[in-house]
Each structure stands twice: as C-alpha cells, then as structure tokens.
Amino acid sequence: MKETKVPSSIFIDVREWRDKTYGNTYYSAIVTVDGEWQFTTGMSYGYGDQAVYDVAKELDARGIVPIIEPHRSVTYDMRERGIDLYVARRDVLKRELPKKAEREVTA
C-alpha cells in the first residue's frame, strides 16, 4: 500500500448562494492543499459545515487525507493530525458560484 504524505495545510474557500424563493442554500468550494489548487466542488445543496464534510470525503476519495473516523468532526480530526485547516465563507450571486473543476493528473 502506497503511503501518502500528510499535507500541512488545507484551505477551503466556500461560496454560498441562498435561493430567496424557497430558502434553500447552495455552495461551491475551491480547495487548495499546501498552497496548490486541487479541485472545485461545483454547486451542491447544503448549509452550515456541509461543504467542509463534502470536501473531506473528496479528499479521502483522492487519497490526499484519509478519513480515520467518519463520525468525528473534520476540523477536530485535521487538528489532531497537525493539519492547518482554513475555511472562508462568503455569500455570492448564483452566477458567481464556481463551476466544478479538477487538476489534470500527469503520469
């Protein structure tokens, strides 16, 4: 099994949009690991820390940061591993939500 290097920092830039008609909240998150952009989630439904949990699942799926105990808080788990986790939030218009994108992996 390949051992992965644990990153020193993760930055999650969350952009939120609230649907005024029905009151639903949607987000898109831009994720940077150790200063290097990794992926953008695209528009998803969720509020509160949903974006952070969804990003943690994606980081696990990509093998960047494995989730040891899924029932624990992501922020607590990252702190226990010595990873600096930064989360920024801002409200935006729907058209300002970033589109889904990811890095091209070269072999």
PDB file of N, CA and C in Angstrom:
ATOM      1  N   MET A   1       0.840  -1.190   0.000  1.00  0.00           N
ATOM      2  CA  MET A   1       0.000   0.000   0.000  1.00  0.00           C
ATOM      3  C   MET A   1       0.878   1.244   0.000  1.00  0.00           C
ATOM      4  N   LYS A   2       0.588   2.161  -0.880  1.00  0.00           N
ATOM      5  CA  LYS A   2       1.363   3.383  -1.004  1.00  0.00           C
ATOM      6  C   LYS A   2       1.038   4.326   0.149  1.00  0.00           C
ATOM      7  N   GLU A   3       2.098   4.822   0.805  1.00  0.00           N
ATOM      8  CA  GLU A   3       1.900   5.754   1.906  1.00  0.00           C
ATOM      9  C   GLU A   3       1.911   7.174   1.358  1.00  0.00           C
ATOM     10  N   THR A   4       0.911   7.961   1.719  1.00  0.00           N
ATOM     11  CA  THR A   4       0.819   9.322   1.215  1.00  0.00           C
ATOM     12  C   THR A   4       1.356  10.302   2.252  1.00  0.00           C
ATOM     13  N   LYS A   5       1.913  11.386   1.773  1.00  0.00           N
ATOM     14  CA  LYS A   5       2.422  12.442   2.639  1.00  0.00           C
ATOM     15  C   LYS A   5       1.233  13.249   3.154  1.00  0.00           C
ATOM     16  N   VAL A   6       1.209  13.475   4.452  1.00  0.00           N
ATOM     17  CA  VAL A   6       0.120  14.254   5.045  1.00  0.00           C
ATOM     18  C   VAL A   6       0.387  15.731   4.764  1.00  0.00           C
ATOM     19  N   PRO A   7      -0.593  16.436   4.217  1.00  0.00           N
ATOM     20  CA  PRO A   7      -0.389  17.858   3.919  1.00  0.00           C
ATOM     21  C   PRO A   7      -0.276  18.682   5.197  1.00  0.00           C
ATOM     22  N   SER A   8       0.364  19.842   5.095  1.00  0.00           N
ATOM     23  CA  SER A   8       0.486  20.706   6.271  1.00  0.00           C
ATOM     24  C   SER A   8      -0.681  21.687   6.368  1.00  0.00           C
ATOM     25  N   SER A   9      -1.316  22.009   5.230  1.00  0.00           N
ATOM     26  CA  SER A   9      -2.444  22.934   5.286  1.00  0.00           C
ATOM     27  C   SER A   9      -3.468  22.643   4.194  1.00  0.00           C
ATOM     28  N   ILE A  10      -4.717  22.928   4.531  1.00  0.00           N
ATOM     29  CA  ILE A  10      -5.831  22.802   3.586  1.00  0.00           C
ATOM     30  C   ILE A  10      -6.664  24.073   3.698  1.00  0.00           C
ATOM     31  N   PHE A  11      -6.959  24.681   2.559  1.00  0.00           N
ATOM     32  CA  PHE A  11      -7.782  25.889   2.526  1.00  0.00           C
ATOM     33  C   PHE A  11      -9.038  25.595   1.726  1.00  0.00           C
ATOM     34  N   ILE A  12     -10.199  25.837   2.342  1.00  0.00           N
ATOM     35  CA  ILE A  12     -11.483  25.620   1.684  1.00  0.00           C
ATOM     36  C   ILE A  12     -12.179  26.974   1.566  1.00  0.00           C
ATOM     37  N   ASP A  13     -12.325  27.454   0.340  1.00  0.00           N
ATOM     38  CA  ASP A  13     -12.971  28.732   0.070  1.00  0.00           C
ATOM     39  C   ASP A  13     -14.407  28.437  -0.367  1.00  0.00           C
ATOM     40  N   VAL A  14     -15.351  28.646   0.546  1.00  0.00           N
ATOM     41  CA  VAL A  14     -16.754  28.309   0.310  1.00  0.00           C
ATOM     42  C   VAL A  14     -17.511  29.539  -0.163  1.00  0.00           C
ATOM     43  N   ARG A  15     -18.208  29.395  -1.285  1.00  0.00           N
ATOM     44  CA  ARG A  15     -19.089  30.450  -1.803  1.00  0.00           C
ATOM     45  C   ARG A  15     -20.517  29.951  -1.648  1.00  0.00           C
ATOM     46  N   GLU A  16     -21.368  30.725  -0.983  1.00  0.00           N
ATOM     47  CA  GLU A  16     -22.750  30.294  -0.725  1.00  0.00           C
ATOM     48  C   GLU A  16     -23.750  31.204  -1.431  1.00  0.00           C
ATOM     49  N   TRP A  17     -24.828  30.570  -1.901  1.00  0.00           N
ATOM     50  CA  TRP A  17     -25.931  31.295  -2.525  1.00  0.00           C
ATOM     51  C   TRP A  17     -27.229  30.795  -1.909  1.00  0.00           C
ATOM     52  N   ARG A  18     -28.092  31.714  -1.538  1.00  0.00           N
ATOM     53  CA  ARG A  18     -29.383  31.359  -0.951  1.00  0.00           C
ATOM     54  C   ARG A  18     -30.501  31.663  -1.928  1.00  0.00           C
ATOM     55  N   ASP A  19     -31.319  30.649  -2.185  1.00  0.00           N
ATOM     56  CA  ASP A  19     -32.473  30.777  -3.065  1.00  0.00           C
ATOM     57  C   ASP A  19     -33.559  31.523  -2.294  1.00  0.00           C
ATOM     58  N   LYS A  20     -33.886  32.721  -2.718  1.00  0.00           N
ATOM     59  CA  LYS A  20     -34.863  33.540  -1.988  1.00  0.00           C
ATOM     60  C   LYS A  20     -36.284  32.989  -2.086  1.00  0.00           C
ATOM     61  N   THR A  21     -36.587  32.282  -3.160  1.00  0.00           N
ATOM     62  CA  THR A  21     -37.943  31.755  -3.337  1.00  0.00           C
ATOM     63  C   THR A  21     -38.262  30.660  -2.329  1.00  0.00           C
ATOM     64  N   TYR A  22     -37.374  29.689  -2.189  1.00  0.00           N
ATOM     65  CA  TYR A  22     -37.634  28.543  -1.321  1.00  0.00           C
ATOM     66  C   TYR A  22     -36.756  28.507  -0.073  1.00  0.00           C
ATOM     67  N   GLY A  23     -35.755  29.381   0.015  1.00  0.00           N
ATOM     68  CA  GLY A  23     -34.895  29.445   1.189  1.00  0.00           C
ATOM     69  C   GLY A  23     -33.796  28.395   1.240  1.00  0.00           C
ATOM     70  N   ASN A  24     -33.572  27.686   0.137  1.00  0.00           N
ATOM     71  CA  ASN A  24     -32.512  26.673   0.123  1.00  0.00           C
ATOM     72  C   ASN A  24     -31.144  27.332  -0.007  1.00  0.00           C
ATOM     73  N   THR A  25     -30.119  26.660   0.518  1.00  0.00           N
ATOM     74  CA  THR A  25     -28.757  27.159   0.442  1.00  0.00           C
ATOM     75  C   THR A  25     -27.924  26.211  -0.415  1.00  0.00           C
ATOM     76  N   TYR A  26     -27.147  26.778  -1.313  1.00  0.00           N
ATOM     77  CA  TYR A  26     -26.257  26.020  -2.178  1.00  0.00           C
ATOM     78  C   TYR A  26     -24.851  26.570  -2.012  1.00  0.00           C
ATOM     79  N   TYR A  27     -23.863  25.748  -2.284  1.00  0.00           N
ATOM     80  CA  TYR A  27     -22.482  26.190  -2.144  1.00  0.00           C
ATOM     81  C   TYR A  27     -21.623  25.601  -3.255  1.00  0.00           C
ATOM     82  N   SER A  28     -20.469  26.193  -3.409  1.00  0.00           N
ATOM     83  CA  SER A  28     -19.399  25.662  -4.241  1.00  0.00           C
ATOM     84  C   SER A  28     -18.112  25.980  -3.491  1.00  0.00           C
ATOM     85  N   ALA A  29     -17.194  25.024  -3.431  1.00  0.00           N
ATOM     86  CA  ALA A  29     -15.965  25.216  -2.663  1.00  0.00           C
ATOM     87  C   ALA A  29     -14.732  25.024  -3.539  1.00  0.00           C
ATOM     88  N   ILE A  30     -13.779  25.916  -3.364  1.00  0.00           N
ATOM     89  CA  ILE A  30     -12.489  25.825  -4.034  1.00  0.00           C
ATOM     90  C   ILE A  30     -11.498  25.297  -2.996  1.00  0.00           C
ATOM     91  N   VAL A  31     -10.810  24.214  -3.315  1.00  0.00           N
ATOM     92  CA  VAL A  31      -9.951  23.533  -2.348  1.00  0.00           C
ATOM     93  C   VAL A  31      -8.483  23.625  -2.753  1.00  0.00           C
ATOM     94  N   THR A  32      -7.671  24.083  -1.813  1.00  0.00           N
ATOM     95  CA  THR A  32      -6.233  24.215  -2.016  1.00  0.00           C
ATOM     96  C   THR A  32      -5.528  23.407  -0.929  1.00  0.00           C
ATOM     97  N   VAL A  33      -4.537  22.597  -1.322  1.00  0.00           N
ATOM     98  CA  VAL A  33      -3.760  21.799  -0.384  1.00  0.00           C
ATOM     99  C   VAL A  33      -2.305  22.216  -0.505  1.00  0.00           C
ATOM    100  N   ASP A  34      -1.726  22.623   0.622  1.00  0.00           N
ATOM    101  CA  ASP A  34      -0.338  23.097   0.661  1.00  0.00           C
ATOM    102  C   ASP A  34      -0.073  24.159  -0.401  1.00  0.00           C
ATOM    103  N   GLY A  35      -1.033  25.070  -0.568  1.00  0.00           N
ATOM    104  CA  GLY A  35      -0.872  26.186  -1.490  1.00  0.00           C
ATOM    105  C   GLY A  35      -1.104  25.860  -2.947  1.00  0.00           C
ATOM    106  N   GLU A  36      -1.502  24.626  -3.251  1.00  0.00           N
ATOM    107  CA  GLU A  36      -1.723  24.228  -4.632  1.00  0.00           C
ATOM    108  C   GLU A  36      -3.194  23.838  -4.828  1.00  0.00           C
ATOM    109  N   TRP A  37      -3.849  24.488  -5.817  1.00  0.00           N
ATOM    110  CA  TRP A  37      -5.257  24.204  -6.088  1.00  0.00           C
ATOM    111  C   TRP A  37      -5.428  22.736  -6.470  1.00  0.00           C
ATOM    112  N   GLN A  38      -6.444  22.090  -5.885  1.00  0.00           N
ATOM    113  CA  GLN A  38      -6.708  20.678  -6.155  1.00  0.00           C
ATOM    114  C   GLN A  38      -7.984  20.470  -6.965  1.00  0.00           C
ATOM    115  N   PHE A  39      -9.094  21.071  -6.492  1.00  0.00           N
ATOM    116  CA  PHE A  39     -10.364  20.901  -7.194  1.00  0.00           C
ATOM    117  C   PHE A  39     -11.380  21.928  -6.719  1.00  0.00           C
ATOM    118  N   THR A  40     -12.458  22.057  -7.487  1.00  0.00           N
ATOM    119  CA  THR A  40     -13.606  22.887  -7.136  1.00  0.00           C
ATOM    120  C   THR A  40     -14.823  21.975  -7.163  1.00  0.00           C
ATOM    121  N   THR A  41     -15.655  22.047  -6.127  1.00  0.00           N
ATOM    122  CA  THR A  41     -16.762  21.091  -5.985  1.00  0.00           C
ATOM    123  C   THR A  41     -17.892  21.298  -6.970  1.00  0.00           C
ATOM    124  N   GLY A  42     -18.140  22.512  -7.388  1.00  0.00           N
ATOM    125  CA  GLY A  42     -19.329  22.774  -8.188  1.00  0.00           C
ATOM    126  C   GLY A  42     -20.518  22.984  -7.257  1.00  0.00           C
ATOM    127  N   MET A  43     -21.636  23.420  -7.792  1.00  0.00           N
ATOM    128  CA  MET A  43     -22.798  23.757  -6.971  1.00  0.00           C
ATOM    129  C   MET A  43     -23.430  22.520  -6.338  1.00  0.00           C
ATOM    130  N   SER A  44     -23.601  22.584  -5.014  1.00  0.00           N
ATOM    131  CA  SER A  44     -24.232  21.492  -4.264  1.00  0.00           C
ATOM    132  C   SER A  44     -25.161  22.083  -3.225  1.00  0.00           C
ATOM    133  N   TYR A  45     -26.161  21.307  -2.831  1.00  0.00           N
ATOM    134  CA  TYR A  45     -27.089  21.735  -1.791  1.00  0.00           C
ATOM    135  C   TYR A  45     -26.443  21.498  -0.439  1.00  0.00           C
ATOM    136  N   GLY A  46     -26.584  22.443   0.472  1.00  0.00           N
ATOM    137  CA  GLY A  46     -26.084  22.244   1.827  1.00  0.00           C
ATOM    138  C   GLY A  46     -25.878  23.571   2.533  1.00  0.00           C
ATOM    139  N   TYR A  47     -25.836  23.507   3.856  1.00  0.00           N
ATOM    140  CA  TYR A  47     -25.614  24.703   4.664  1.00  0.00           C
ATOM    141  C   TYR A  47     -24.802  24.300   5.888  1.00  0.00           C
ATOM    142  N   GLY A  48     -24.358  25.287   6.633  1.00  0.00           N
ATOM    143  CA  GLY A  48     -23.519  25.007   7.797  1.00  0.00           C
ATOM    144  C   GLY A  48     -22.180  24.445   7.350  1.00  0.00           C
ATOM    145  N   ASP A  49     -21.760  23.351   7.971  1.00  0.00           N
ATOM    146  CA  ASP A  49     -20.473  22.736   7.638  1.00  0.00           C
ATOM    147  C   ASP A  49     -20.574  21.648   6.570  1.00  0.00           C
ATOM    148  N   GLN A  50     -21.665  21.592   5.837  1.00  0.00           N
ATOM    149  CA  GLN A  50     -21.830  20.566   4.808  1.00  0.00           C
ATOM    150  C   GLN A  50     -20.698  20.615   3.785  1.00  0.00           C
ATOM    151  N   ALA A  51     -20.281  21.809   3.397  1.00  0.00           N
ATOM    152  CA  ALA A  51     -19.200  21.945   2.417  1.00  0.00           C
ATOM    153  C   ALA A  51     -17.914  21.333   2.953  1.00  0.00           C
ATOM    154  N   VAL A  52     -17.607  21.555   4.227  1.00  0.00           N
ATOM    155  CA  VAL A  52     -16.383  21.017   4.826  1.00  0.00           C
ATOM    156  C   VAL A  52     -16.430  19.493   4.841  1.00  0.00           C
ATOM    157  N   TYR A  53     -17.566  18.908   5.220  1.00  0.00           N
ATOM    158  CA  TYR A  53     -17.700  17.453   5.235  1.00  0.00           C
ATOM    159  C   TYR A  53     -17.611  16.861   3.834  1.00  0.00           C
ATOM    160  N   ASP A  54     -18.237  17.501   2.857  1.00  0.00           N
ATOM    161  CA  ASP A  54     -18.171  17.012   1.474  1.00  0.00           C
ATOM    162  C   ASP A  54     -16.745  17.090   0.922  1.00  0.00           C
ATOM    163  N   VAL A  55     -16.033  18.159   1.244  1.00  0.00           N
ATOM    164  CA  VAL A  55     -14.641  18.293   0.806  1.00  0.00           C
ATOM    165  C   VAL A  55     -13.781  17.216   1.456  1.00  0.00           C
ATOM    166  N   ALA A  56     -14.015  16.933   2.744  1.00  0.00           N
ATOM    167  CA  ALA A  56     -13.247  15.887   3.430  1.00  0.00           C
ATOM    168  C   ALA A  56     -13.468  14.532   2.767  1.00  0.00           C
ATOM    169  N   LYS A  57     -14.702  14.236   2.360  1.00  0.00           N
ATOM    170  CA  LYS A  57     -14.968  12.971   1.663  1.00  0.00           C
ATOM    171  C   LYS A  57     -14.238  12.913   0.328  1.00  0.00           C
ATOM    172  N   GLU A  58     -14.196  14.040  -0.380  1.00  0.00           N
ATOM    173  CA  GLU A  58     -13.496  14.087  -1.664  1.00  0.00           C
ATOM    174  C   GLU A  58     -11.983  13.957  -1.475  1.00  0.00           C
ATOM    175  N   LEU A  59     -11.438  14.587  -0.434  1.00  0.00           N
ATOM    176  CA  LEU A  59     -10.010  14.452  -0.137  1.00  0.00           C
ATOM    177  C   LEU A  59      -9.664  13.004   0.182  1.00  0.00           C
ATOM    178  N   ASP A  60     -10.556  12.329   0.873  1.00  0.00           N
ATOM    179  CA  ASP A  60     -10.364  10.904   1.181  1.00  0.00           C
ATOM    180  C   ASP A  60     -10.407  10.075  -0.100  1.00  0.00           C
ATOM    181  N   ALA A  61     -11.379  10.343  -0.966  1.00  0.00           N
ATOM    182  CA  ALA A  61     -11.516   9.600  -2.220  1.00  0.00           C
ATOM    183  C   ALA A  61     -10.297   9.785  -3.120  1.00  0.00           C
ATOM    184  N   ARG A  62      -9.667  10.947  -3.048  1.00  0.00           N
ATOM    185  CA  ARG A  62      -8.490  11.227  -3.866  1.00  0.00           C
ATOM    186  C   ARG A  62      -7.191  10.749  -3.210  1.00  0.00           C
ATOM    187  N   GLY A  63      -7.285  10.253  -1.976  1.00  0.00           N
ATOM    188  CA  GLY A  63      -6.092   9.768  -1.280  1.00  0.00           C
ATOM    189  C   GLY A  63      -5.206  10.865  -0.729  1.00  0.00           C
ATOM    190  N   ILE A  64      -5.734  12.070  -0.600  1.00  0.00           N
ATOM    191  CA  ILE A  64      -4.943  13.186  -0.080  1.00  0.00           C
ATOM    192  C   ILE A  64      -4.924  13.160   1.444  1.00  0.00           C
ATOM    193  N   VAL A  65      -6.092  13.016   2.056  1.00  0.00           N
ATOM    194  CA  VAL A  65      -6.206  12.912   3.513  1.00  0.00           C
ATOM    195  C   VAL A  65      -7.250  11.845   3.812  1.00  0.00           C
ATOM    196  N   PRO A  66      -6.835  10.678   4.300  1.00  0.00           N
ATOM    197  CA  PRO A  66      -7.815   9.642   4.616  1.00  0.00           C
ATOM    198  C   PRO A  66      -8.635   9.997   5.859  1.00  0.00           C
ATOM    199  N   ILE A  67      -9.899   9.678   5.815  1.00  0.00           N
ATOM    200  CA  ILE A  67     -10.764   9.878   6.973  1.00  0.00           C
ATOM    201  C   ILE A  67     -10.593   8.657   7.871  1.00  0.00           C
ATOM    202  N   ILE A  68     -10.107   8.872   9.079  1.00  0.00           N
ATOM    203  CA  ILE A  68      -9.883   7.763  10.003  1.00  0.00           C
ATOM    204  C   ILE A  68     -11.201   7.341  10.655  1.00  0.00           C
ATOM    205  N   GLU A  69     -11.901   8.303  11.213  1.00  0.00           N
ATOM    206  CA  GLU A  69     -13.176   8.020  11.871  1.00  0.00           C
ATOM    207  C   GLU A  69     -14.239   8.944  11.288  1.00  0.00           C
ATOM    208  N   PRO A  70     -15.134   8.411  10.480  1.00  0.00           N
ATOM    209  CA  PRO A  70     -16.104   9.273   9.795  1.00  0.00           C
ATOM    210  C   PRO A  70     -17.078  10.002  10.717  1.00  0.00           C
ATOM    211  N   HIS A  71     -17.250   9.559  11.948  1.00  0.00           N
ATOM    212  CA  HIS A  71     -18.211  10.197  12.844  1.00  0.00           C
ATOM    213  C   HIS A  71     -17.619  11.388  13.601  1.00  0.00           C
ATOM    214  N   ARG A  72     -16.319  11.633  13.451  1.00  0.00           N
ATOM    215  CA  ARG A  72     -15.674  12.746  14.142  1.00  0.00           C
ATOM    216  C   ARG A  72     -15.777  14.031  13.330  1.00  0.00           C
ATOM    217  N   SER A  73     -15.631  15.148  14.011  1.00  0.00           N
ATOM    218  CA  SER A  73     -15.606  16.449  13.353  1.00  0.00           C
ATOM    219  C   SER A  73     -14.374  16.539  12.459  1.00  0.00           C
ATOM    220  N   VAL A  74     -14.559  17.054  11.256  1.00  0.00           N
ATOM    221  CA  VAL A  74     -13.449  17.196  10.312  1.00  0.00           C
ATOM    222  C   VAL A  74     -12.397  18.145  10.882  1.00  0.00           C
ATOM    223  N   THR A  75     -12.829  19.259  11.445  1.00  0.00           N
ATOM    224  CA  THR A  75     -11.869  20.224  11.986  1.00  0.00           C
ATOM    225  C   THR A  75     -11.072  19.614  13.131  1.00  0.00           C
ATOM    226  N   TYR A  76     -11.718  18.851  13.988  1.00  0.00           N
ATOM    227  CA  TYR A  76     -11.028  18.188  15.099  1.00  0.00           C
ATOM    228  C   TYR A  76     -10.047  17.149  14.573  1.00  0.00           C
ATOM    229  N   ASP A  77     -10.471  16.370  13.604  1.00  0.00           N
ATOM    230  CA  ASP A  77      -9.626  15.323  13.029  1.00  0.00           C
ATOM    231  C   ASP A  77      -8.378  15.926  12.374  1.00  0.00           C
ATOM    232  N   MET A  78      -8.544  17.021  11.633  1.00  0.00           N
ATOM    233  CA  MET A  78      -7.405  17.678  10.993  1.00  0.00           C
ATOM    234  C   MET A  78      -6.429  18.234  12.040  1.00  0.00           C
ATOM    235  N   ARG A  79      -6.970  18.838  13.079  1.00  0.00           N
ATOM    236  CA  ARG A  79      -6.124  19.392  14.135  1.00  0.00           C
ATOM    237  C   ARG A  79      -5.319  18.291  14.817  1.00  0.00           C
ATOM    238  N   GLU A  80      -5.945  17.142  15.060  1.00  0.00           N
ATOM    239  CA  GLU A  80      -5.254  16.004  15.673  1.00  0.00           C
ATOM    240  C   GLU A  80      -4.090  15.520  14.813  1.00  0.00           C
ATOM    241  N   ARG A  81      -4.199  15.653  13.508  1.00  0.00           N
ATOM    242  CA  ARG A  81      -3.135  15.214  12.587  1.00  0.00           C
ATOM    243  C   ARG A  81      -2.074  16.283  12.352  1.00  0.00           C
ATOM    244  N   GLY A  82      -2.291  17.476  12.892  1.00  0.00           N
ATOM    245  CA  GLY A  82      -1.332  18.558  12.690  1.00  0.00           C
ATOM    246  C   GLY A  82      -1.523  19.294  11.377  1.00  0.00           C
ATOM    247  N   ILE A  83      -2.710  19.165  10.776  1.00  0.00           N
ATOM    248  CA  ILE A  83      -3.015  19.851   9.519  1.00  0.00           C
ATOM    249  C   ILE A  83      -3.740  21.155   9.843  1.00  0.00           C
ATOM    250  N   ASP A  84      -3.226  22.254   9.304  1.00  0.00           N
ATOM    251  CA  ASP A  84      -3.893  23.542   9.475  1.00  0.00           C
ATOM    252  C   ASP A  84      -5.044  23.609   8.482  1.00  0.00           C
ATOM    253  N   LEU A  85      -6.282  23.724   9.002  1.00  0.00           N
ATOM    254  CA  LEU A  85      -7.471  23.792   8.152  1.00  0.00           C
ATOM    255  C   LEU A  85      -8.033  25.199   8.209  1.00  0.00           C
ATOM    256  N   TYR A  86      -8.138  25.821   7.045  1.00  0.00           N
ATOM    257  CA  TYR A  86      -8.686  27.168   6.938  1.00  0.00           C
ATOM    258  C   TYR A  86      -9.960  27.107   6.109  1.00  0.00           C
ATOM    259  N   VAL A  87     -11.016  27.719   6.627  1.00  0.00           N
ATOM    260  CA  VAL A  87     -12.286  27.752   5.909  1.00  0.00           C
ATOM    261  C   VAL A  87     -12.754  29.200   5.835  1.00  0.00           C
ATOM    262  N   ALA A  88     -12.980  29.681   4.624  1.00  0.00           N
ATOM    263  CA  ALA A  88     -13.508  31.028   4.408  1.00  0.00           C
ATOM    264  C   ALA A  88     -14.876  30.885   3.748  1.00  0.00           C
ATOM    265  N   ARG A  89     -15.809  31.743   4.124  1.00  0.00           N
ATOM    266  CA  ARG A  89     -17.162  31.708   3.550  1.00  0.00           C
ATOM    267  C   ARG A  89     -17.541  33.094   3.075  1.00  0.00           C
ATOM    268  N   ARG A  90     -18.276  33.113   1.981  1.00  0.00           N
ATOM    269  CA  ARG A  90     -18.833  34.383   1.525  1.00  0.00           C
ATOM    270  C   ARG A  90     -20.111  34.119   0.743  1.00  0.00           C
ATOM    271  N   ASP A  91     -21.027  35.057   0.846  1.00  0.00           N
ATOM    272  CA  ASP A  91     -22.269  34.977   0.087  1.00  0.00           C
ATOM    273  C   ASP A  91     -22.035  35.574  -1.296  1.00  0.00           C
ATOM    274  N   VAL A  92     -22.547  34.899  -2.310  1.00  0.00           N
ATOM    275  CA  VAL A  92     -22.385  35.350  -3.688  1.00  0.00           C
ATOM    276  C   VAL A  92     -23.709  35.202  -4.428  1.00  0.00           C
ATOM    277  N   LEU A  93     -23.757  35.758  -5.620  1.00  0.00           N
ATOM    278  CA  LEU A  93     -24.890  35.538  -6.510  1.00  0.00           C
ATOM    279  C   LEU A  93     -24.759  34.156  -7.138  1.00  0.00           C
ATOM    280  N   LYS A  94     -25.853  33.598  -7.614  1.00  0.00           N
ATOM    281  CA  LYS A  94     -25.825  32.256  -8.198  1.00  0.00           C
ATOM    282  C   LYS A  94     -24.816  32.165  -9.345  1.00  0.00           C
ATOM    283  N   ARG A  95     -24.757  33.176 -10.169  1.00  0.00           N
ATOM    284  CA  ARG A  95     -23.842  33.136 -11.316  1.00  0.00           C
ATOM    285  C   ARG A  95     -22.372  33.199 -10.897  1.00  0.00           C
ATOM    286  N   GLU A  96     -22.104  33.564  -9.635  1.00  0.00           N
ATOM    287  CA  GLU A  96     -20.736  33.652  -9.136  1.00  0.00           C
ATOM    288  C   GLU A  96     -20.249  32.357  -8.488  1.00  0.00           C
ATOM    289  N   LEU A  97     -21.115  31.347  -8.412  1.00  0.00           N
ATOM    290  CA  LEU A  97     -20.669  30.068  -7.855  1.00  0.00           C
ATOM    291  C   LEU A  97     -19.688  29.427  -8.833  1.00  0.00           C
ATOM    292  N   PRO A  98     -18.499  29.040  -8.361  1.00  0.00           N
ATOM    293  CA  PRO A  98     -17.521  28.417  -9.264  1.00  0.00           C
ATOM    294  C   PRO A  98     -18.031  27.090  -9.819  1.00  0.00           C
ATOM    295  N   LYS A  99     -17.678  26.805 -11.053  1.00  0.00           N
ATOM    296  CA  LYS A  99     -18.050  25.550 -11.707  1.00  0.00           C
ATOM    297  C   LYS A  99     -17.130  24.413 -11.237  1.00  0.00           C
ATOM    298  N   LYS A 100     -17.626  23.190 -11.351  1.00  0.00           N
ATOM    299  CA  LYS A 100     -16.828  22.042 -10.958  1.00  0.00           C
ATOM    300  C   LYS A 100     -15.604  21.908 -11.858  1.00  0.00           C
ATOM    301  N   ALA A 101     -14.462  21.683 -11.226  1.00  0.00           N
ATOM    302  CA  ALA A 101     -13.203  21.532 -11.974  1.00  0.00           C
ATOM    303  C   ALA A 101     -12.211  20.765 -11.123  1.00  0.00           C
ATOM    304  N   GLU A 102     -11.228  20.163 -11.777  1.00  0.00           N
ATOM    305  CA  GLU A 102     -10.179  19.450 -11.046  1.00  0.00           C
ATOM    306  C   GLU A 102      -8.882  19.509 -11.836  1.00  0.00           C
ATOM    307  N   ARG A 103      -7.807  19.215 -11.129  1.00  0.00           N
ATOM    308  CA  ARG A 103      -6.482  19.225 -11.757  1.00  0.00           C
ATOM    309  C   ARG A 103      -6.336  18.044 -12.686  1.00  0.00           C
ATOM    310  N   GLU A 104      -5.588  18.267 -13.745  1.00  0.00           N
ATOM    311  CA  GLU A 104      -5.237  17.150 -14.622  1.00  0.00           C
ATOM    312  C   GLU A 104      -4.033  16.458 -14.010  1.00  0.00           C
ATOM    313  N   VAL A 105      -4.130  15.157 -13.844  1.00  0.00           N
ATOM    314  CA  VAL A 105      -3.024  14.402 -13.271  1.00  0.00           C
ATOM    315  C   VAL A 105      -2.170  13.878 -14.413  1.00  0.00           C
ATOM    316  N   THR A 106      -0.898  14.221 -14.378  1.00  0.00           N
ATOM    317  CA  THR A 106       0.015  13.717 -15.401  1.00  0.00           C
ATOM    318  C   THR A 106       0.841  12.593 -14.828  1.00  0.00           C
ATOM    319  N   ALA A 107       1.047  11.562 -15.615  1.00  0.00           N
ATOM    320  CA  ALA A 107       1.759  10.384 -15.130  1.00  0.00           C
ATOM    321  C   ALA A 107       3.249  10.524 -15.240  1.00  0.00           C
TER     322      ALA A 107
END
